[in-house]
Amino acid sequence: MVVPRRLRNLPEPPASPAPQTCALCGRPVVPGPSADEHHLVPRSQGGKDKTLIHRICHRKIHSVFSERELAERFNTWEALRAHPEIASFIRWVAGKPPTFYDNSRRMKRERLAD
């Protein structure tokens, strides 16, 4: 194939960035409606740093722990993953596609109010 002279010396297109992985479950995160930002230490407790994770993972974290628990005992990814309920959730969600979001899951507070 003959390439026109004006196109021969164009720079290579930049490589697409590596997909970001969820800090909780380790699956790739696709930016969009299935992604959320999570503060390891809640903003109400003085947290500033945030990480992009799956929306379903974010909802699970907040359905299990209060903001005070997150700030005091579960302020690292390792501590979160070590909790039995979160570990069970990670095993369950591992087989789901990166854009999976189960809208039927409700927070513990909502279930208790019923």
PDB file of N, CA and C in Angstrom:
ATOM      1  N   MET A   1       0.840  -1.164   0.000  1.00  0.00           N
ATOM      2  CA  MET A   1       0.000   0.000   0.000  1.00  0.00           C
ATOM      3  C   MET A   1       0.893   1.238   0.000  1.00  0.00           C
ATOM      4  N   VAL A   2       0.525   2.198  -0.815  1.00  0.00           N
ATOM      5  CA  VAL A   2       1.287   3.430  -0.918  1.00  0.00           C
ATOM      6  C   VAL A   2       0.649   4.450   0.025  1.00  0.00           C
ATOM      7  N   VAL A   3       1.497   5.038   0.862  1.00  0.00           N
ATOM      8  CA  VAL A   3       1.022   6.034   1.822  1.00  0.00           C
ATOM      9  C   VAL A   3       1.424   7.406   1.301  1.00  0.00           C
ATOM     10  N   PRO A   4       0.468   8.346   1.242  1.00  0.00           N
ATOM     11  CA  PRO A   4       0.835   9.686   0.792  1.00  0.00           C
ATOM     12  C   PRO A   4       1.958  10.259   1.654  1.00  0.00           C
ATOM     13  N   ARG A   5       2.841  11.018   1.011  1.00  0.00           N
ATOM     14  CA  ARG A   5       4.011  11.566   1.668  1.00  0.00           C
ATOM     15  C   ARG A   5       3.628  12.371   2.913  1.00  0.00           C
ATOM     16  N   ARG A   6       2.565  13.131   2.887  1.00  0.00           N
ATOM     17  CA  ARG A   6       2.173  13.971   4.019  1.00  0.00           C
ATOM     18  C   ARG A   6       1.761  13.142   5.233  1.00  0.00           C
ATOM     19  N   LEU A   7       1.461  11.859   5.027  1.00  0.00           N
ATOM     20  CA  LEU A   7       1.038  11.003   6.138  1.00  0.00           C
ATOM     21  C   LEU A   7       2.151  10.095   6.650  1.00  0.00           C
ATOM     22  N   ARG A   8       3.275  10.078   5.998  1.00  0.00           N
ATOM     23  CA  ARG A   8       4.330   9.132   6.347  1.00  0.00           C
ATOM     24  C   ARG A   8       4.992   9.420   7.683  1.00  0.00           C
ATOM     25  N   ASN A   9       5.174  10.650   8.038  1.00  0.00           N
ATOM     26  CA  ASN A   9       5.945  10.992   9.237  1.00  0.00           C
ATOM     27  C   ASN A   9       5.073  11.505  10.382  1.00  0.00           C
ATOM     28  N   LEU A  10       3.831  11.162  10.378  1.00  0.00           N
ATOM     29  CA  LEU A  10       2.969  11.566  11.490  1.00  0.00           C
ATOM     30  C   LEU A  10       3.374  10.803  12.742  1.00  0.00           C
ATOM     31  N   PRO A  11       3.316  11.440  13.902  1.00  0.00           N
ATOM     32  CA  PRO A  11       3.659  10.718  15.134  1.00  0.00           C
ATOM     33  C   PRO A  11       2.658   9.595  15.389  1.00  0.00           C
ATOM     34  N   GLU A  12       3.136   8.585  16.065  1.00  0.00           N
ATOM     35  CA  GLU A  12       2.272   7.464  16.431  1.00  0.00           C
ATOM     36  C   GLU A  12       1.181   7.962  17.378  1.00  0.00           C
ATOM     37  N   PRO A  13      -0.035   7.465  17.234  1.00  0.00           N
ATOM     38  CA  PRO A  13      -1.076   7.866  18.188  1.00  0.00           C
ATOM     39  C   PRO A  13      -0.714   7.369  19.575  1.00  0.00           C
ATOM     40  N   PRO A  14      -1.051   8.146  20.602  1.00  0.00           N
ATOM     41  CA  PRO A  14      -0.711   7.702  21.964  1.00  0.00           C
ATOM     42  C   PRO A  14      -1.436   6.404  22.303  1.00  0.00           C
ATOM     43  N   ALA A  15      -0.750   5.583  23.040  1.00  0.00           N
ATOM     44  CA  ALA A  15      -1.367   4.326  23.475  1.00  0.00           C
ATOM     45  C   ALA A  15      -2.503   4.646  24.436  1.00  0.00           C
ATOM     46  N   SER A  16      -3.563   3.876  24.334  1.00  0.00           N
ATOM     47  CA  SER A  16      -4.680   4.127  25.240  1.00  0.00           C
ATOM     48  C   SER A  16      -4.231   3.808  26.661  1.00  0.00           C
ATOM     49  N   PRO A  17      -4.663   4.627  27.619  1.00  0.00           N
ATOM     50  CA  PRO A  17      -4.231   4.387  29.003  1.00  0.00           C
ATOM     51  C   PRO A  17      -4.741   3.039  29.503  1.00  0.00           C
ATOM     52  N   ALA A  18      -3.973   2.453  30.381  1.00  0.00           N
ATOM     53  CA  ALA A  18      -4.376   1.166  30.958  1.00  0.00           C
ATOM     54  C   ALA A  18      -5.666   1.369  31.739  1.00  0.00           C
ATOM     55  N   PRO A  19      -6.586   0.417  31.651  1.00  0.00           N
ATOM     56  CA  PRO A  19      -7.831   0.583  32.387  1.00  0.00           C
ATOM     57  C   PRO A  19      -7.570   0.625  33.890  1.00  0.00           C
ATOM     58  N   GLN A  20      -8.284   1.507  34.547  1.00  0.00           N
ATOM     59  CA  GLN A  20      -8.150   1.618  35.998  1.00  0.00           C
ATOM     60  C   GLN A  20      -8.870   0.442  36.647  1.00  0.00           C
ATOM     61  N   THR A  21      -8.340  -0.062  37.734  1.00  0.00           N
ATOM     62  CA  THR A  21      -8.993  -1.171  38.419  1.00  0.00           C
ATOM     63  C   THR A  21      -9.622  -0.685  39.719  1.00  0.00           C
ATOM     64  N   CYS A  22     -10.687  -1.345  40.104  1.00  0.00           N
ATOM     65  CA  CYS A  22     -11.398  -1.026  41.338  1.00  0.00           C
ATOM     66  C   CYS A  22     -10.521  -1.428  42.519  1.00  0.00           C
ATOM     67  N   ALA A  23     -10.356  -0.519  43.445  1.00  0.00           N
ATOM     68  CA  ALA A  23      -9.513  -0.786  44.613  1.00  0.00           C
ATOM     69  C   ALA A  23     -10.137  -1.821  45.544  1.00  0.00           C
ATOM     70  N   LEU A  24     -11.443  -2.034  45.438  1.00  0.00           N
ATOM     71  CA  LEU A  24     -12.092  -3.014  46.313  1.00  0.00           C
ATOM     72  C   LEU A  24     -12.091  -4.405  45.691  1.00  0.00           C
ATOM     73  N   CYS A  25     -12.631  -4.535  44.469  1.00  0.00           N
ATOM     74  CA  CYS A  25     -12.799  -5.873  43.886  1.00  0.00           C
ATOM     75  C   CYS A  25     -11.728  -6.249  42.873  1.00  0.00           C
ATOM     76  N   GLY A  26     -10.968  -5.278  42.365  1.00  0.00           N
ATOM     77  CA  GLY A  26      -9.891  -5.567  41.430  1.00  0.00           C
ATOM     78  C   GLY A  26     -10.308  -5.693  39.981  1.00  0.00           C
ATOM     79  N   ARG A  27     -11.603  -5.549  39.674  1.00  0.00           N
ATOM     80  CA  ARG A  27     -12.061  -5.608  38.283  1.00  0.00           C
ATOM     81  C   ARG A  27     -11.812  -4.260  37.614  1.00  0.00           C
ATOM     82  N   PRO A  28     -11.721  -4.224  36.268  1.00  0.00           N
ATOM     83  CA  PRO A  28     -11.530  -2.937  35.577  1.00  0.00           C
ATOM     84  C   PRO A  28     -12.730  -2.015  35.810  1.00  0.00           C
ATOM     85  N   VAL A  29     -12.462  -0.725  35.933  1.00  0.00           N
ATOM     86  CA  VAL A  29     -13.517   0.273  36.099  1.00  0.00           C
ATOM     87  C   VAL A  29     -13.696   0.998  34.777  1.00  0.00           C
ATOM     88  N   VAL A  30     -14.924   0.998  34.270  1.00  0.00           N
ATOM     89  CA  VAL A  30     -15.258   1.718  33.047  1.00  0.00           C
ATOM     90  C   VAL A  30     -15.893   3.036  33.463  1.00  0.00           C
ATOM     91  N   PRO A  31     -15.245   4.176  33.149  1.00  0.00           N
ATOM     92  CA  PRO A  31     -15.850   5.458  33.522  1.00  0.00           C
ATOM     93  C   PRO A  31     -17.255   5.584  32.938  1.00  0.00           C
ATOM     94  N   GLY A  32     -18.149   6.110  33.714  1.00  0.00           N
ATOM     95  CA  GLY A  32     -19.537   6.251  33.287  1.00  0.00           C
ATOM     96  C   GLY A  32     -20.474   5.986  34.445  1.00  0.00           C
ATOM     97  N   PRO A  33     -21.704   5.577  34.131  1.00  0.00           N
ATOM     98  CA  PRO A  33     -22.699   5.402  35.194  1.00  0.00           C
ATOM     99  C   PRO A  33     -22.411   4.252  36.152  1.00  0.00           C
ATOM    100  N   SER A  34     -21.529   3.329  35.776  1.00  0.00           N
ATOM    101  CA  SER A  34     -21.239   2.208  36.679  1.00  0.00           C
ATOM    102  C   SER A  34     -20.048   2.496  37.587  1.00  0.00           C
ATOM    103  N   ALA A  35     -19.529   3.735  37.566  1.00  0.00           N
ATOM    104  CA  ALA A  35     -18.366   4.095  38.391  1.00  0.00           C
ATOM    105  C   ALA A  35     -18.739   5.204  39.371  1.00  0.00           C
ATOM    106  N   ASP A  36     -18.087   5.202  40.514  1.00  0.00           N
ATOM    107  CA  ASP A  36     -18.294   6.197  41.573  1.00  0.00           C
ATOM    108  C   ASP A  36     -16.946   6.533  42.196  1.00  0.00           C
ATOM    109  N   GLU A  37     -16.896   7.636  42.900  1.00  0.00           N
ATOM    110  CA  GLU A  37     -15.695   7.982  43.660  1.00  0.00           C
ATOM    111  C   GLU A  37     -15.970   7.729  45.137  1.00  0.00           C
ATOM    112  N   HIS A  38     -15.003   7.106  45.810  1.00  0.00           N
ATOM    113  CA  HIS A  38     -15.163   6.781  47.230  1.00  0.00           C
ATOM    114  C   HIS A  38     -14.055   7.439  48.035  1.00  0.00           C
ATOM    115  N   HIS A  39     -14.421   8.052  49.148  1.00  0.00           N
ATOM    116  CA  HIS A  39     -13.468   8.599  50.113  1.00  0.00           C
ATOM    117  C   HIS A  39     -13.230   7.522  51.166  1.00  0.00           C
ATOM    118  N   LEU A  40     -11.996   7.048  51.305  1.00  0.00           N
ATOM    119  CA  LEU A  40     -11.714   6.038  52.333  1.00  0.00           C
ATOM    120  C   LEU A  40     -12.094   6.555  53.715  1.00  0.00           C
ATOM    121  N   VAL A  41     -11.739   7.784  54.002  1.00  0.00           N
ATOM    122  CA  VAL A  41     -12.216   8.458  55.213  1.00  0.00           C
ATOM    123  C   VAL A  41     -13.309   9.405  54.724  1.00  0.00           C
ATOM    124  N   PRO A  42     -14.563   9.219  55.168  1.00  0.00           N
ATOM    125  CA  PRO A  42     -15.655  10.054  54.672  1.00  0.00           C
ATOM    126  C   PRO A  42     -15.364  11.545  54.836  1.00  0.00           C
ATOM    127  N   ARG A  43     -15.872  12.335  53.921  1.00  0.00           N
ATOM    128  CA  ARG A  43     -15.672  13.785  53.980  1.00  0.00           C
ATOM    129  C   ARG A  43     -16.195  14.357  55.286  1.00  0.00           C
ATOM    130  N   SER A  44     -17.294  13.794  55.791  1.00  0.00           N
ATOM    131  CA  SER A  44     -17.856  14.288  57.048  1.00  0.00           C
ATOM    132  C   SER A  44     -16.920  14.033  58.229  1.00  0.00           C
ATOM    133  N   GLN A  45     -15.965  13.121  58.041  1.00  0.00           N
ATOM    134  CA  GLN A  45     -14.999  12.795  59.086  1.00  0.00           C
ATOM    135  C   GLN A  45     -13.627  13.380  58.785  1.00  0.00           C
ATOM    136  N   GLY A  46     -13.557  14.285  57.801  1.00  0.00           N
ATOM    137  CA  GLY A  46     -12.309  14.966  57.481  1.00  0.00           C
ATOM    138  C   GLY A  46     -11.518  14.377  56.324  1.00  0.00           C
ATOM    139  N   GLY A  47     -12.080  13.413  55.597  1.00  0.00           N
ATOM    140  CA  GLY A  47     -11.374  12.789  54.483  1.00  0.00           C
ATOM    141  C   GLY A  47     -11.333  13.669  53.252  1.00  0.00           C
ATOM    142  N   LYS A  48     -10.262  13.550  52.492  1.00  0.00           N
ATOM    143  CA  LYS A  48     -10.107  14.332  51.276  1.00  0.00           C
ATOM    144  C   LYS A  48      -9.818  13.462  50.055  1.00  0.00           C
ATOM    145  N   ASP A  49      -9.006  12.427  50.224  1.00  0.00           N
ATOM    146  CA  ASP A  49      -8.604  11.583  49.096  1.00  0.00           C
ATOM    147  C   ASP A  49      -9.761  10.716  48.632  1.00  0.00           C
ATOM    148  N   LYS A  50      -9.900  10.598  47.298  1.00  0.00           N
ATOM    149  CA  LYS A  50     -10.956   9.766  46.752  1.00  0.00           C
ATOM    150  C   LYS A  50     -10.392   8.863  45.664  1.00  0.00           C
ATOM    151  N   THR A  51     -11.078   7.751  45.444  1.00  0.00           N
ATOM    152  CA  THR A  51     -10.654   6.739  44.491  1.00  0.00           C
ATOM    153  C   THR A  51     -11.847   6.329  43.650  1.00  0.00           C
ATOM    154  N   LEU A  52     -11.613   6.096  42.343  1.00  0.00           N
ATOM    155  CA  LEU A  52     -12.670   5.640  41.448  1.00  0.00           C
ATOM    156  C   LEU A  52     -12.884   4.142  41.651  1.00  0.00           C
ATOM    157  N   ILE A  53     -14.119   3.749  41.974  1.00  0.00           N
ATOM    158  CA  ILE A  53     -14.474   2.337  42.144  1.00  0.00           C
ATOM    159  C   ILE A  53     -15.823   2.106  41.478  1.00  0.00           C
ATOM    160  N   HIS A  54     -16.242   0.845  41.409  1.00  0.00           N
ATOM    161  CA  HIS A  54     -17.555   0.530  40.851  1.00  0.00           C
ATOM    162  C   HIS A  54     -18.656   1.077  41.757  1.00  0.00           C
ATOM    163  N   ARG A  55     -19.736   1.499  41.149  1.00  0.00           N
ATOM    164  CA  ARG A  55     -20.873   2.008  41.925  1.00  0.00           C
ATOM    165  C   ARG A  55     -21.421   0.919  42.834  1.00  0.00           C
ATOM    166  N   ILE A  56     -21.488  -0.319  42.353  1.00  0.00           N
ATOM    167  CA  ILE A  56     -22.020  -1.411  43.173  1.00  0.00           C
ATOM    168  C   ILE A  56     -21.115  -1.674  44.378  1.00  0.00           C
ATOM    169  N   CYS A  57     -19.795  -1.551  44.194  1.00  0.00           N
ATOM    170  CA  CYS A  57     -18.858  -1.726  45.313  1.00  0.00           C
ATOM    171  C   CYS A  57     -19.030  -0.588  46.324  1.00  0.00           C
ATOM    172  N   HIS A  58     -19.210   0.616  45.816  1.00  0.00           N
ATOM    173  CA  HIS A  58     -19.403   1.785  46.673  1.00  0.00           C
ATOM    174  C   HIS A  58     -20.672   1.631  47.511  1.00  0.00           C
ATOM    175  N   ARG A  59     -21.751   1.224  46.856  1.00  0.00           N
ATOM    176  CA  ARG A  59     -23.013   1.038  47.579  1.00  0.00           C
ATOM    177  C   ARG A  59     -22.882  -0.051  48.651  1.00  0.00           C
ATOM    178  N   LYS A  60     -22.147  -1.097  48.347  1.00  0.00           N
ATOM    179  CA  LYS A  60     -21.973  -2.182  49.316  1.00  0.00           C
ATOM    180  C   LYS A  60     -21.221  -1.685  50.548  1.00  0.00           C
ATOM    181  N   ILE A  61     -20.159  -0.938  50.333  1.00  0.00           N
ATOM    182  CA  ILE A  61     -19.384  -0.406  51.461  1.00  0.00           C
ATOM    183  C   ILE A  61     -20.286   0.398  52.388  1.00  0.00           C
ATOM    184  N   HIS A  62     -21.084   1.298  51.804  1.00  0.00           N
ATOM    185  CA  HIS A  62     -21.925   2.175  52.626  1.00  0.00           C
ATOM    186  C   HIS A  62     -23.157   1.466  53.177  1.00  0.00           C
ATOM    187  N   SER A  63     -23.505   0.308  52.628  1.00  0.00           N
ATOM    188  CA  SER A  63     -24.629  -0.435  53.202  1.00  0.00           C
ATOM    189  C   SER A  63     -24.192  -1.240  54.422  1.00  0.00           C
ATOM    190  N   VAL A  64     -22.895  -1.502  54.533  1.00  0.00           N
ATOM    191  CA  VAL A  64     -22.388  -2.316  55.636  1.00  0.00           C
ATOM    192  C   VAL A  64     -21.866  -1.460  56.790  1.00  0.00           C
ATOM    193  N   PHE A  65     -21.194  -0.347  56.474  1.00  0.00           N
ATOM    194  CA  PHE A  65     -20.516   0.440  57.505  1.00  0.00           C
ATOM    195  C   PHE A  65     -21.101   1.840  57.643  1.00  0.00           C
ATOM    196  N   SER A  66     -21.066   2.345  58.866  1.00  0.00           N
ATOM    197  CA  SER A  66     -21.423   3.744  59.093  1.00  0.00           C
ATOM    198  C   SER A  66     -20.204   4.600  58.754  1.00  0.00           C
ATOM    199  N   GLU A  67     -20.396   5.894  58.642  1.00  0.00           N
ATOM    200  CA  GLU A  67     -19.281   6.785  58.342  1.00  0.00           C
ATOM    201  C   GLU A  67     -18.247   6.768  59.462  1.00  0.00           C
ATOM    202  N   ARG A  68     -18.695   6.661  60.676  1.00  0.00           N
ATOM    203  CA  ARG A  68     -17.759   6.597  61.806  1.00  0.00           C
ATOM    204  C   ARG A  68     -16.916   5.325  61.745  1.00  0.00           C
ATOM    205  N   GLU A  69     -17.546   4.177  61.436  1.00  0.00           N
ATOM    206  CA  GLU A  69     -16.792   2.926  61.301  1.00  0.00           C
ATOM    207  C   GLU A  69     -15.761   3.024  60.179  1.00  0.00           C
ATOM    208  N   LEU A  70     -16.171   3.630  59.062  1.00  0.00           N
ATOM    209  CA  LEU A  70     -15.237   3.792  57.946  1.00  0.00           C
ATOM    210  C   LEU A  70     -14.037   4.639  58.357  1.00  0.00           C
ATOM    211  N   ALA A  71     -14.274   5.709  59.084  1.00  0.00           N
ATOM    212  CA  ALA A  71     -13.186   6.605  59.484  1.00  0.00           C
ATOM    213  C   ALA A  71     -12.271   5.959  60.523  1.00  0.00           C
ATOM    214  N   GLU A  72     -12.844   5.205  61.459  1.00  0.00           N
ATOM    215  CA  GLU A  72     -12.051   4.692  62.570  1.00  0.00           C
ATOM    216  C   GLU A  72     -11.407   3.339  62.315  1.00  0.00           C
ATOM    217  N   ARG A  73     -12.145   2.400  61.701  1.00  0.00           N
ATOM    218  CA  ARG A  73     -11.620   1.031  61.599  1.00  0.00           C
ATOM    219  C   ARG A  73     -11.427   0.535  60.172  1.00  0.00           C
ATOM    220  N   PHE A  74     -12.148   1.077  59.235  1.00  0.00           N
ATOM    221  CA  PHE A  74     -12.105   0.551  57.867  1.00  0.00           C
ATOM    222  C   PHE A  74     -11.645   1.628  56.890  1.00  0.00           C
ATOM    223  N   ASN A  75     -10.534   2.283  57.209  1.00  0.00           N
ATOM    224  CA  ASN A  75     -10.039   3.376  56.378  1.00  0.00           C
ATOM    225  C   ASN A  75      -8.898   2.959  55.452  1.00  0.00           C
ATOM    226  N   THR A  76      -8.742   1.644  55.244  1.00  0.00           N
ATOM    227  CA  THR A  76      -7.792   1.129  54.248  1.00  0.00           C
ATOM    228  C   THR A  76      -8.521   0.080  53.409  1.00  0.00           C
ATOM    229  N   TRP A  77      -8.042  -0.117  52.193  1.00  0.00           N
ATOM    230  CA  TRP A  77      -8.658  -1.111  51.321  1.00  0.00           C
ATOM    231  C   TRP A  77      -8.469  -2.511  51.897  1.00  0.00           C
ATOM    232  N   GLU A  78      -7.331  -2.764  52.531  1.00  0.00           N
ATOM    233  CA  GLU A  78      -7.069  -4.071  53.117  1.00  0.00           C
ATOM    234  C   GLU A  78      -8.073  -4.374  54.239  1.00  0.00           C
ATOM    235  N   ALA A  79      -8.340  -3.385  55.075  1.00  0.00           N
ATOM    236  CA  ALA A  79      -9.296  -3.570  56.172  1.00  0.00           C
ATOM    237  C   ALA A  79     -10.698  -3.835  55.624  1.00  0.00           C
ATOM    238  N   LEU A  80     -11.079  -3.124  54.576  1.00  0.00           N
ATOM    239  CA  LEU A  80     -12.392  -3.345  53.968  1.00  0.00           C
ATOM    240  C   LEU A  80     -12.494  -4.754  53.393  1.00  0.00           C
ATOM    241  N   ARG A  81     -11.477  -5.162  52.636  1.00  0.00           N
ATOM    242  CA  ARG A  81     -11.512  -6.487  51.999  1.00  0.00           C
ATOM    243  C   ARG A  81     -11.459  -7.619  53.024  1.00  0.00           C
ATOM    244  N   ALA A  82     -10.911  -7.377  54.206  1.00  0.00           N
ATOM    245  CA  ALA A  82     -10.804  -8.410  55.237  1.00  0.00           C
ATOM    246  C   ALA A  82     -12.130  -8.660  55.961  1.00  0.00           C
ATOM    247  N   HIS A  83     -13.058  -7.725  55.885  1.00  0.00           N
ATOM    248  CA  HIS A  83     -14.348  -7.898  56.560  1.00  0.00           C
ATOM    249  C   HIS A  83     -15.110  -9.044  55.882  1.00  0.00           C
ATOM    250  N   PRO A  84     -15.696  -9.978  56.654  1.00  0.00           N
ATOM    251  CA  PRO A  84     -16.348 -11.153  56.059  1.00  0.00           C
ATOM    252  C   PRO A  84     -17.457 -10.831  55.057  1.00  0.00           C
ATOM    253  N   GLU A  85     -18.296  -9.850  55.353  1.00  0.00           N
ATOM    254  CA  GLU A  85     -19.394  -9.533  54.439  1.00  0.00           C
ATOM    255  C   GLU A  85     -18.873  -8.934  53.132  1.00  0.00           C
ATOM    256  N   ILE A  86     -17.845  -8.106  53.215  1.00  0.00           N
ATOM    257  CA  ILE A  86     -17.247  -7.519  52.010  1.00  0.00           C
ATOM    258  C   ILE A  86     -16.507  -8.608  51.222  1.00  0.00           C
ATOM    259  N   ALA A  87     -15.808  -9.510  51.907  1.00  0.00           N
ATOM    260  CA  ALA A  87     -15.107 -10.599  51.227  1.00  0.00           C
ATOM    261  C   ALA A  87     -16.095 -11.480  50.457  1.00  0.00           C
ATOM    262  N   SER A  88     -17.236 -11.760  51.055  1.00  0.00           N
ATOM    263  CA  SER A  88     -18.270 -12.538  50.382  1.00  0.00           C
ATOM    264  C   SER A  88     -18.801 -11.789  49.162  1.00  0.00           C
ATOM    265  N   PHE A  89     -19.014 -10.498  49.303  1.00  0.00           N
ATOM    266  CA  PHE A  89     -19.476  -9.672  48.189  1.00  0.00           C
ATOM    267  C   PHE A  89     -18.456  -9.685  47.044  1.00  0.00           C
ATOM    268  N   ILE A  90     -17.172  -9.567  47.358  1.00  0.00           N
ATOM    269  CA  ILE A  90     -16.123  -9.555  46.331  1.00  0.00           C
ATOM    270  C   ILE A  90     -16.117 -10.873  45.559  1.00  0.00           C
ATOM    271  N   ARG A  91     -16.288 -11.991  46.263  1.00  0.00           N
ATOM    272  CA  ARG A  91     -16.356 -13.289  45.571  1.00  0.00           C
ATOM    273  C   ARG A  91     -17.560 -13.320  44.632  1.00  0.00           C
ATOM    274  N   TRP A  92     -18.695 -12.776  45.067  1.00  0.00           N
ATOM    275  CA  TRP A  92     -19.906 -12.774  44.256  1.00  0.00           C
ATOM    276  C   TRP A  92     -19.755 -11.886  43.028  1.00  0.00           C
ATOM    277  N   VAL A  93     -19.231 -10.679  43.204  1.00  0.00           N
ATOM    278  CA  VAL A  93     -19.163  -9.712  42.116  1.00  0.00           C
ATOM    279  C   VAL A  93     -18.032 -10.027  41.126  1.00  0.00           C
ATOM    280  N   ALA A  94     -17.103 -10.892  41.500  1.00  0.00           N
ATOM    281  CA  ALA A  94     -15.956 -11.208  40.639  1.00  0.00           C
ATOM    282  C   ALA A  94     -16.390 -11.738  39.269  1.00  0.00           C
ATOM    283  N   GLY A  95     -17.499 -12.433  39.191  1.00  0.00           N
ATOM    284  CA  GLY A  95     -17.972 -12.996  37.928  1.00  0.00           C
ATOM    285  C   GLY A  95     -18.833 -12.062  37.106  1.00  0.00           C
ATOM    286  N   LYS A  96     -19.068 -10.871  37.582  1.00  0.00           N
ATOM    287  CA  LYS A  96     -19.926  -9.908  36.873  1.00  0.00           C
ATOM    288  C   LYS A  96     -19.085  -9.049  35.938  1.00  0.00           C
ATOM    289  N   PRO A  97     -19.690  -8.547  34.844  1.00  0.00           N
ATOM    290  CA  PRO A  97     -18.947  -7.652  33.943  1.00  0.00           C
ATOM    291  C   PRO A  97     -18.647  -6.318  34.630  1.00  0.00           C
ATOM    292  N   PRO A  98     -17.622  -5.589  34.163  1.00  0.00           N
ATOM    293  CA  PRO A  98     -17.221  -4.332  34.814  1.00  0.00           C
ATOM    294  C   PRO A  98     -18.323  -3.277  34.885  1.00  0.00           C
ATOM    295  N   THR A  99     -19.277  -3.313  33.955  1.00  0.00           N
ATOM    296  CA  THR A  99     -20.338  -2.296  33.964  1.00  0.00           C
ATOM    297  C   THR A  99     -21.582  -2.753  34.715  1.00  0.00           C
ATOM    298  N   PHE A 100     -21.539  -3.916  35.364  1.00  0.00           N
ATOM    299  CA  PHE A 100     -22.691  -4.444  36.087  1.00  0.00           C
ATOM    300  C   PHE A 100     -23.060  -3.534  37.250  1.00  0.00           C
ATOM    301  N   TYR A 101     -24.368  -3.264  37.369  1.00  0.00           N
ATOM    302  CA  TYR A 101     -24.873  -2.528  38.521  1.00  0.00           C
ATOM    303  C   TYR A 101     -26.242  -3.070  38.866  1.00  0.00           C
ATOM    304  N   ASP A 102     -26.399  -3.599  40.062  1.00  0.00           N
ATOM    305  CA  ASP A 102     -27.664  -4.163  40.517  1.00  0.00           C
ATOM    306  C   ASP A 102     -28.439  -3.082  41.247  1.00  0.00           C
ATOM    307  N   ASN A 103     -29.456  -2.557  40.609  1.00  0.00           N
ATOM    308  CA  ASN A 103     -30.223  -1.448  41.164  1.00  0.00           C
ATOM    309  C   ASN A 103     -31.158  -1.886  42.281  1.00  0.00           C
ATOM    310  N   SER A 104     -31.331  -3.201  42.472  1.00  0.00           N
ATOM    311  CA  SER A 104     -32.274  -3.659  43.483  1.00  0.00           C
ATOM    312  C   SER A 104     -31.666  -3.709  44.878  1.00  0.00           C
ATOM    313  N   ARG A 105     -30.346  -3.606  44.983  1.00  0.00           N
ATOM    314  CA  ARG A 105     -29.711  -3.628  46.306  1.00  0.00           C
ATOM    315  C   ARG A 105     -30.043  -2.348  47.053  1.00  0.00           C
ATOM    316  N   ARG A 106     -30.396  -2.503  48.327  1.00  0.00           N
ATOM    317  CA  ARG A 106     -30.723  -1.341  49.141  1.00  0.00           C
ATOM    318  C   ARG A 106     -29.801  -1.285  50.339  1.00  0.00           C
ATOM    319  N   MET A 107     -29.612  -0.094  50.835  1.00  0.00           N
ATOM    320  CA  MET A 107     -28.750   0.095  51.991  1.00  0.00           C
ATOM    321  C   MET A 107     -29.401  -0.493  53.235  1.00  0.00           C
ATOM    322  N   LYS A 108     -28.578  -0.917  54.196  1.00  0.00           N
ATOM    323  CA  LYS A 108     -29.056  -1.532  55.433  1.00  0.00           C
ATOM    324  C   LYS A 108     -30.062  -0.621  56.139  1.00  0.00           C
ATOM    325  N   ARG A 109     -29.794   0.681  56.164  1.00  0.00           N
ATOM    326  CA  ARG A 109     -30.710   1.615  56.830  1.00  0.00           C
ATOM    327  C   ARG A 109     -32.091   1.578  56.183  1.00  0.00           C
ATOM    328  N   GLU A 110     -32.156   1.457  54.831  1.00  0.00           N
ATOM    329  CA  GLU A 110     -33.437   1.425  54.142  1.00  0.00           C
ATOM    330  C   GLU A 110     -34.179   0.129  54.478  1.00  0.00           C
ATOM    331  N   ARG A 111     -33.451  -1.007  54.582  1.00  0.00           N
ATOM    332  CA  ARG A 111     -34.099  -2.277  54.899  1.00  0.00           C
ATOM    333  C   ARG A 111     -34.649  -2.254  56.317  1.00  0.00           C
ATOM    334  N   LEU A 112     -33.918  -1.643  57.232  1.00  0.00           N
ATOM    335  CA  LEU A 112     -34.360  -1.608  58.631  1.00  0.00           C
ATOM    336  C   LEU A 112     -35.573  -0.704  58.815  1.00  0.00           C
ATOM    337  N   ALA A 113     -35.726   0.295  57.960  1.00  0.00           N
ATOM    338  CA  ALA A 113     -36.840   1.235  58.072  1.00  0.00           C
ATOM    339  C   ALA A 113     -38.166   0.575  57.653  1.00  0.00           C
ATOM    340  N   ASP A 114     -38.085  -0.503  56.837  1.00  0.00           N
ATOM    341  CA  ASP A 114     -39.316  -1.163  56.363  1.00  0.00           C
ATOM    342  C   ASP A 114     -40.032  -1.905  57.437  1.00  0.00           C
TER     343      ASP A 114
END
